[in-house]
Amino acid sequence: MAAITVRGLSDETHRALKARAAAHHRSTEAEVRAILESATAPVGRVRLGSLLAEIGQEAGGVEFDIPRDRAPSEPIDLS
């Protein structure tokens, strides 16, 4: 796993990071990691669950015409 060192960080920035980490109930290191991961995440990446939820919302008011005049299929006899 990669590691980096940040030199020359002001005391004010360090205090702000510590306060932000405490507000999120995690260590300062974990907070910095979360900030970096968020800043470098791909923009516009569509997640499957989000896409399916959006499709469901769009189709929510639509009624589908499903033909009901067919008899149900007979089950396969595997004996």
Protein backbone atom coordinates (compact mmCIF):
# COMPACT_ATOMS: atom_id res chain seq x y z
CA MET A 1 0.00 0.00 0.00
CA ALA A 2 1.30 3.45 -0.89
CA ALA A 3 2.13 6.09 1.69
CA ILE A 4 2.77 9.82 1.41
CA THR A 5 4.16 12.49 3.71
CA VAL A 6 2.83 16.04 3.62
CA ARG A 7 5.36 18.62 4.75
CA GLY A 8 4.73 22.28 5.48
CA LEU A 9 1.12 21.84 6.59
CA SER A 10 0.04 24.88 8.60
CA ASP A 11 -1.07 24.44 12.20
CA GLU A 12 -4.44 25.91 11.26
CA THR A 13 -4.97 23.32 8.50
CA HIS A 14 -3.88 20.52 10.83
CA ARG A 15 -6.34 21.69 13.51
CA ALA A 16 -9.12 21.90 10.92
CA LEU A 17 -8.37 18.35 9.73
CA LYS A 18 -8.42 17.06 13.29
CA ALA A 19 -11.75 18.80 13.97
CA ARG A 20 -13.24 17.45 10.75
CA ALA A 21 -12.02 13.94 11.61
CA ALA A 22 -13.55 14.15 15.08
CA ALA A 23 -16.86 15.28 13.57
CA HIS A 24 -16.84 12.17 11.34
CA HIS A 25 -15.75 9.88 14.21
CA ARG A 26 -12.47 8.82 12.61
CA SER A 27 -8.75 9.44 12.92
CA THR A 28 -7.04 12.37 11.21
CA GLU A 29 -5.27 9.91 8.92
CA ALA A 30 -8.58 8.26 7.97
CA GLU A 31 -10.09 11.69 7.34
CA VAL A 32 -7.24 12.70 5.03
CA ARG A 33 -7.60 9.36 3.21
CA ALA A 34 -11.35 9.97 2.76
CA ILE A 35 -10.72 13.49 1.44
CA LEU A 36 -8.14 12.24 -1.06
CA GLU A 37 -10.34 9.36 -2.21
CA SER A 38 -13.28 11.71 -2.69
CA ALA A 39 -11.16 14.24 -4.58
CA THR A 40 -9.82 11.62 -6.98
CA ALA A 41 -13.02 9.61 -7.56
CA PRO A 42 -14.10 9.41 -11.20
CA VAL A 43 -16.62 12.10 -12.10
CA GLY A 44 -19.89 10.93 -13.58
CA ARG A 45 -19.40 7.27 -12.74
CA VAL A 46 -22.78 5.59 -12.81
CA ARG A 47 -23.40 2.90 -10.24
CA LEU A 48 -25.70 0.04 -11.25
CA GLY A 49 -28.00 0.43 -8.25
CA SER A 50 -28.43 4.15 -8.89
CA LEU A 51 -29.14 3.52 -12.55
CA LEU A 52 -31.77 0.87 -11.77
CA ALA A 53 -33.42 3.14 -9.18
CA GLU A 54 -33.58 5.96 -11.72
CA ILE A 55 -35.13 3.67 -14.34
CA GLY A 56 -37.68 2.50 -11.78
CA GLN A 57 -38.61 6.07 -10.89
CA GLU A 58 -39.00 7.02 -14.54
CA ALA A 59 -41.19 3.98 -15.22
CA GLY A 60 -43.22 4.44 -12.04
CA GLY A 61 -46.19 6.08 -13.73
CA VAL A 62 -46.17 3.87 -16.82
CA GLU A 63 -48.63 1.03 -17.24
CA PHE A 64 -47.43 -1.91 -19.28
CA ASP A 65 -49.86 -3.78 -21.55
CA ILE A 66 -49.14 -7.42 -20.75
CA PRO A 67 -51.22 -9.90 -22.78
CA ARG A 68 -53.19 -12.12 -20.41
CA ASP A 69 -55.09 -14.23 -22.94
CA ARG A 70 -52.55 -17.07 -23.03
CA ALA A 71 -52.97 -20.16 -20.93
CA PRO A 72 -50.16 -20.76 -18.44
CA SER A 73 -47.40 -23.02 -19.67
CA GLU A 74 -47.37 -26.61 -18.48
CA PRO A 75 -44.50 -27.51 -16.16
CA ILE A 76 -41.80 -29.80 -17.51
CA ASP A 77 -42.09 -33.43 -16.39
CA LEU A 78 -38.61 -34.46 -15.22
CA SER A 79 -39.57 -37.98 -14.12
